[in-house]
Amino acid sequence: MFAALFTLLTLPALAVGSAAPPLTLSDSQGHVSRFKPAAKGVTLLNFWATWCPPCREELPRLDAAQRSGKLKVVAVNVGESPAGVLNFWKENQLGGLPLAFAHTADLRGWPLPGLPTSVLLDAGGKVRALKFGPLTAAELEKWRK
């Protein structure tokens, strides 16, 4: 227990203006790749899980933001099986939202305080904004600009 706490306390803080650490993601078929932000504009990484009520409440807003074309959003599921998540995706009609998967080990260097956590990255991979908890419609609108 103390080792886990020590590890959390010694992780470098993810802060606005800092470079995002490397991130390895997989798709629903298990193909693994290193995440790269959009070449132009900003990319919103949203870390979430199906068991998280605030995450489920936020996803339709993220889907609408992605569909608007004004903001690239990637929904990063943390630690769940793709099969169950894909069923959830279909049931909730979230087909416009790109989906990726991360295992806890893939998130080393990404000190997430909990779920949902959203990180806005510029094209160079720098953190432009951070939010722990669900994004409101007003916050999403601000992040689009």
C-alpha atoms as a PDB file:
ATOM      1  CA  MET A   1       0.000   0.000   0.000  1.00  0.00           C
ATOM      2  CA  PHE A   2       2.767   2.453   0.888  1.00  0.00           C
ATOM      3  CA  ALA A   3       4.587   1.588  -2.332  1.00  0.00           C
ATOM      4  CA  ALA A   4       1.494   2.478  -4.378  1.00  0.00           C
ATOM      5  CA  LEU A   5       1.052   5.738  -2.471  1.00  0.00           C
ATOM      6  CA  PHE A   6       4.741   6.587  -2.896  1.00  0.00           C
ATOM      7  CA  THR A   7       4.470   5.886  -6.635  1.00  0.00           C
ATOM      8  CA  LEU A   8       1.461   8.206  -6.945  1.00  0.00           C
ATOM      9  CA  LEU A   9       3.177  10.960  -4.982  1.00  0.00           C
ATOM     10  CA  THR A  10       6.359  10.782  -7.050  1.00  0.00           C
ATOM     11  CA  LEU A  11       4.700  10.857 -10.473  1.00  0.00           C
ATOM     12  CA  PRO A  12       5.394  14.100 -12.305  1.00  0.00           C
ATOM     13  CA  ALA A  13       2.345  16.325 -12.342  1.00  0.00           C
ATOM     14  CA  LEU A  14       0.463  16.667 -15.583  1.00  0.00           C
ATOM     15  CA  ALA A  15       0.164  20.440 -15.800  1.00  0.00           C
ATOM     16  CA  VAL A  16      -1.028  23.031 -18.278  1.00  0.00           C
ATOM     17  CA  GLY A  17       1.936  23.991 -20.460  1.00  0.00           C
ATOM     18  CA  SER A  18       3.795  20.720 -19.904  1.00  0.00           C
ATOM     19  CA  ALA A  19       4.491  18.154 -22.604  1.00  0.00           C
ATOM     20  CA  ALA A  20       2.141  15.187 -22.475  1.00  0.00           C
ATOM     21  CA  PRO A  21       3.913  11.934 -21.632  1.00  0.00           C
ATOM     22  CA  PRO A  22       3.938   9.113 -24.199  1.00  0.00           C
ATOM     23  CA  LEU A  23       0.669   7.202 -24.402  1.00  0.00           C
ATOM     24  CA  THR A  24       0.120   3.747 -25.869  1.00  0.00           C
ATOM     25  CA  LEU A  25      -3.465   2.950 -26.867  1.00  0.00           C
ATOM     26  CA  SER A  26      -5.182   0.040 -28.538  1.00  0.00           C
ATOM     27  CA  ASP A  27      -8.277  -0.216 -30.703  1.00  0.00           C
ATOM     28  CA  SER A  28     -11.151  -2.673 -30.221  1.00  0.00           C
ATOM     29  CA  GLN A  29      -9.250  -5.377 -32.151  1.00  0.00           C
ATOM     30  CA  GLY A  30      -6.187  -5.022 -29.929  1.00  0.00           C
ATOM     31  CA  HIS A  31      -3.973  -3.181 -32.437  1.00  0.00           C
ATOM     32  CA  VAL A  32      -1.556  -1.079 -30.409  1.00  0.00           C
ATOM     33  CA  SER A  33      -0.182   2.319 -31.409  1.00  0.00           C
ATOM     34  CA  ARG A  34       1.349   5.374 -29.839  1.00  0.00           C
ATOM     35  CA  PHE A  35      -1.116   8.242 -29.558  1.00  0.00           C
ATOM     36  CA  LYS A  36      -0.401  11.401 -31.562  1.00  0.00           C
ATOM     37  CA  PRO A  37      -2.537  14.548 -31.279  1.00  0.00           C
ATOM     38  CA  ALA A  38      -4.201  16.052 -34.343  1.00  0.00           C
ATOM     39  CA  ALA A  39      -1.733  17.743 -36.702  1.00  0.00           C
ATOM     40  CA  LYS A  40      -3.823  20.934 -36.585  1.00  0.00           C
ATOM     41  CA  GLY A  41      -5.903  22.344 -33.788  1.00  0.00           C
ATOM     42  CA  VAL A  42      -6.441  20.603 -30.477  1.00  0.00           C
ATOM     43  CA  THR A  43      -7.295  17.074 -29.366  1.00  0.00           C
ATOM     44  CA  LEU A  44      -9.327  16.231 -26.289  1.00  0.00           C
ATOM     45  CA  LEU A  45      -8.391  12.969 -24.561  1.00  0.00           C
ATOM     46  CA  ASN A  46     -11.154  11.833 -22.237  1.00  0.00           C
ATOM     47  CA  PHE A  47     -10.312   8.992 -19.827  1.00  0.00           C
ATOM     48  CA  TRP A  48     -13.438   7.140 -18.737  1.00  0.00           C
ATOM     49  CA  ALA A  49     -15.069   3.790 -17.811  1.00  0.00           C
ATOM     50  CA  THR A  50     -18.560   2.305 -18.170  1.00  0.00           C
ATOM     51  CA  TRP A  51     -18.902   1.821 -14.387  1.00  0.00           C
ATOM     52  CA  CYS A  52     -18.439   5.582 -13.826  1.00  0.00           C
ATOM     53  CA  PRO A  53     -21.803   7.482 -13.723  1.00  0.00           C
ATOM     54  CA  PRO A  54     -20.261  10.933 -14.414  1.00  0.00           C
ATOM     55  CA  CYS A  55     -18.417   9.414 -17.399  1.00  0.00           C
ATOM     56  CA  ARG A  56     -21.624   7.961 -18.838  1.00  0.00           C
ATOM     57  CA  GLU A  57     -23.387  11.300 -18.341  1.00  0.00           C
ATOM     58  CA  GLU A  58     -20.606  13.188 -20.154  1.00  0.00           C
ATOM     59  CA  LEU A  59     -20.157  10.927 -23.206  1.00  0.00           C
ATOM     60  CA  PRO A  60     -23.147  12.217 -25.251  1.00  0.00           C
ATOM     61  CA  ARG A  61     -21.761  15.785 -24.984  1.00  0.00           C
ATOM     62  CA  LEU A  62     -18.341  14.571 -26.142  1.00  0.00           C
ATOM     63  CA  ASP A  63     -19.966  12.693 -29.027  1.00  0.00           C
ATOM     64  CA  ALA A  64     -21.812  15.878 -30.083  1.00  0.00           C
ATOM     65  CA  ALA A  65     -18.575  17.905 -29.867  1.00  0.00           C
ATOM     66  CA  GLN A  66     -16.776  15.373 -32.080  1.00  0.00           C
ATOM     67  CA  ARG A  67     -19.635  15.283 -34.596  1.00  0.00           C
ATOM     68  CA  SER A  68     -19.624  19.097 -34.823  1.00  0.00           C
ATOM     69  CA  GLY A  69     -16.151  18.929 -36.369  1.00  0.00           C
ATOM     70  CA  LYS A  70     -14.876  21.749 -34.169  1.00  0.00           C
ATOM     71  CA  LEU A  71     -12.991  19.524 -31.738  1.00  0.00           C
ATOM     72  CA  LYS A  72     -11.211  16.200 -32.126  1.00  0.00           C
ATOM     73  CA  VAL A  73     -12.164  13.966 -29.213  1.00  0.00           C
ATOM     74  CA  VAL A  74     -10.746  10.541 -28.333  1.00  0.00           C
ATOM     75  CA  ALA A  75     -12.573   8.578 -25.625  1.00  0.00           C
ATOM     76  CA  VAL A  76      -9.970   6.453 -23.823  1.00  0.00           C
ATOM     77  CA  ASN A  77     -11.542   3.609 -21.886  1.00  0.00           C
ATOM     78  CA  VAL A  78      -9.455   2.636 -18.883  1.00  0.00           C
ATOM     79  CA  GLY A  79      -9.069  -1.021 -17.981  1.00  0.00           C
ATOM     80  CA  GLU A  80     -12.211  -2.626 -19.414  1.00  0.00           C
ATOM     81  CA  SER A  81     -12.668  -5.338 -22.027  1.00  0.00           C
ATOM     82  CA  PRO A  82     -13.377  -4.091 -25.553  1.00  0.00           C
ATOM     83  CA  ALA A  83     -16.365  -6.449 -25.999  1.00  0.00           C
ATOM     84  CA  GLY A  84     -18.301  -4.986 -23.078  1.00  0.00           C
ATOM     85  CA  VAL A  85     -17.383  -1.428 -23.991  1.00  0.00           C
ATOM     86  CA  LEU A  86     -18.461  -1.918 -27.616  1.00  0.00           C
ATOM     87  CA  ASN A  87     -21.875  -3.152 -26.435  1.00  0.00           C
ATOM     88  CA  PHE A  88     -22.180  -0.045 -24.253  1.00  0.00           C
ATOM     89  CA  TRP A  89     -21.105   2.094 -27.251  1.00  0.00           C
ATOM     90  CA  LYS A  90     -23.836   0.643 -29.481  1.00  0.00           C
ATOM     91  CA  GLU A  91     -26.548   0.825 -26.805  1.00  0.00           C
ATOM     92  CA  ASN A  92     -25.768   4.510 -26.246  1.00  0.00           C
ATOM     93  CA  GLN A  93     -25.346   5.389 -29.945  1.00  0.00           C
ATOM     94  CA  LEU A  94     -21.888   6.901 -29.526  1.00  0.00           C
ATOM     95  CA  GLY A  95     -20.678   5.966 -33.012  1.00  0.00           C
ATOM     96  CA  GLY A  96     -19.325   9.422 -33.814  1.00  0.00           C
ATOM     97  CA  LEU A  97     -16.827   9.334 -30.982  1.00  0.00           C
ATOM     98  CA  PRO A  98     -13.434   7.671 -31.626  1.00  0.00           C
ATOM     99  CA  LEU A  99     -12.790   4.977 -29.040  1.00  0.00           C
ATOM    100  CA  ALA A 100      -9.454   3.745 -27.718  1.00  0.00           C
ATOM    101  CA  PHE A 101      -8.406   1.488 -24.867  1.00  0.00           C
ATOM    102  CA  ALA A 102      -5.688   1.836 -22.233  1.00  0.00           C
ATOM    103  CA  HIS A 103      -4.577  -0.580 -19.553  1.00  0.00           C
ATOM    104  CA  THR A 104      -3.420   0.817 -16.248  1.00  0.00           C
ATOM    105  CA  ALA A 105       0.194  -0.026 -17.152  1.00  0.00           C
ATOM    106  CA  ASP A 106      -0.180   2.056 -20.357  1.00  0.00           C
ATOM    107  CA  LEU A 107      -0.984   5.116 -18.249  1.00  0.00           C
ATOM    108  CA  ARG A 108       2.347   5.315 -16.464  1.00  0.00           C
ATOM    109  CA  GLY A 109       3.250   8.984 -16.504  1.00  0.00           C
ATOM    110  CA  TRP A 110      -0.412  10.029 -16.752  1.00  0.00           C
ATOM    111  CA  PRO A 111      -1.330  10.731 -13.111  1.00  0.00           C
ATOM    112  CA  LEU A 112      -5.112  10.591 -13.390  1.00  0.00           C
ATOM    113  CA  PRO A 113      -6.819  11.552 -10.107  1.00  0.00           C
ATOM    114  CA  GLY A 114      -9.936   9.608 -11.093  1.00  0.00           C
ATOM    115  CA  LEU A 115     -12.489   9.270 -13.857  1.00  0.00           C
ATOM    116  CA  PRO A 116     -13.519  11.064 -15.920  1.00  0.00           C
ATOM    117  CA  THR A 117     -10.394  13.082 -16.592  1.00  0.00           C
ATOM    118  CA  SER A 118     -10.054  15.222 -19.715  1.00  0.00           C
ATOM    119  CA  VAL A 119      -6.804  16.540 -21.164  1.00  0.00           C
ATOM    120  CA  LEU A 120      -6.723  19.050 -24.032  1.00  0.00           C
ATOM    121  CA  LEU A 121      -3.560  18.797 -26.154  1.00  0.00           C
ATOM    122  CA  ASP A 122      -2.287  21.066 -28.902  1.00  0.00           C
ATOM    123  CA  ALA A 123      -0.733  19.775 -32.129  1.00  0.00           C
ATOM    124  CA  GLY A 124       2.705  19.784 -30.492  1.00  0.00           C
ATOM    125  CA  GLY A 125       1.549  17.546 -27.643  1.00  0.00           C
ATOM    126  CA  LYS A 126       1.474  20.242 -24.964  1.00  0.00           C
ATOM    127  CA  VAL A 127      -1.249  20.232 -22.337  1.00  0.00           C
ATOM    128  CA  ARG A 128      -3.560  23.222 -22.897  1.00  0.00           C
ATOM    129  CA  ALA A 129      -6.245  22.376 -20.311  1.00  0.00           C
ATOM    130  CA  LEU A 130      -7.086  19.729 -17.697  1.00  0.00           C
ATOM    131  CA  LYS A 131     -10.306  18.769 -15.959  1.00  0.00           C
ATOM    132  CA  PHE A 132     -11.107  16.076 -13.411  1.00  0.00           C
ATOM    133  CA  GLY A 133     -14.825  15.389 -13.480  1.00  0.00           C
ATOM    134  CA  PRO A 134     -17.351  15.700 -16.290  1.00  0.00           C
ATOM    135  CA  LEU A 135     -17.010  18.570 -18.747  1.00  0.00           C
ATOM    136  CA  THR A 136     -20.022  20.855 -18.950  1.00  0.00           C
ATOM    137  CA  ALA A 137     -21.404  22.077 -22.275  1.00  0.00           C
ATOM    138  CA  ALA A 138     -19.947  25.533 -21.504  1.00  0.00           C
ATOM    139  CA  GLU A 139     -16.487  24.077 -20.821  1.00  0.00           C
ATOM    140  CA  LEU A 140     -16.589  22.071 -24.039  1.00  0.00           C
ATOM    141  CA  GLU A 141     -17.527  25.203 -25.970  1.00  0.00           C
ATOM    142  CA  LYS A 142     -14.596  27.080 -24.405  1.00  0.00           C
ATOM    143  CA  TRP A 143     -12.204  24.202 -25.205  1.00  0.00           C
ATOM    144  CA  ARG A 144     -13.305  24.206 -28.857  1.00  0.00           C
ATOM    145  CA  LYS A 145     -11.885  27.700 -29.366  1.00  0.00           C
END
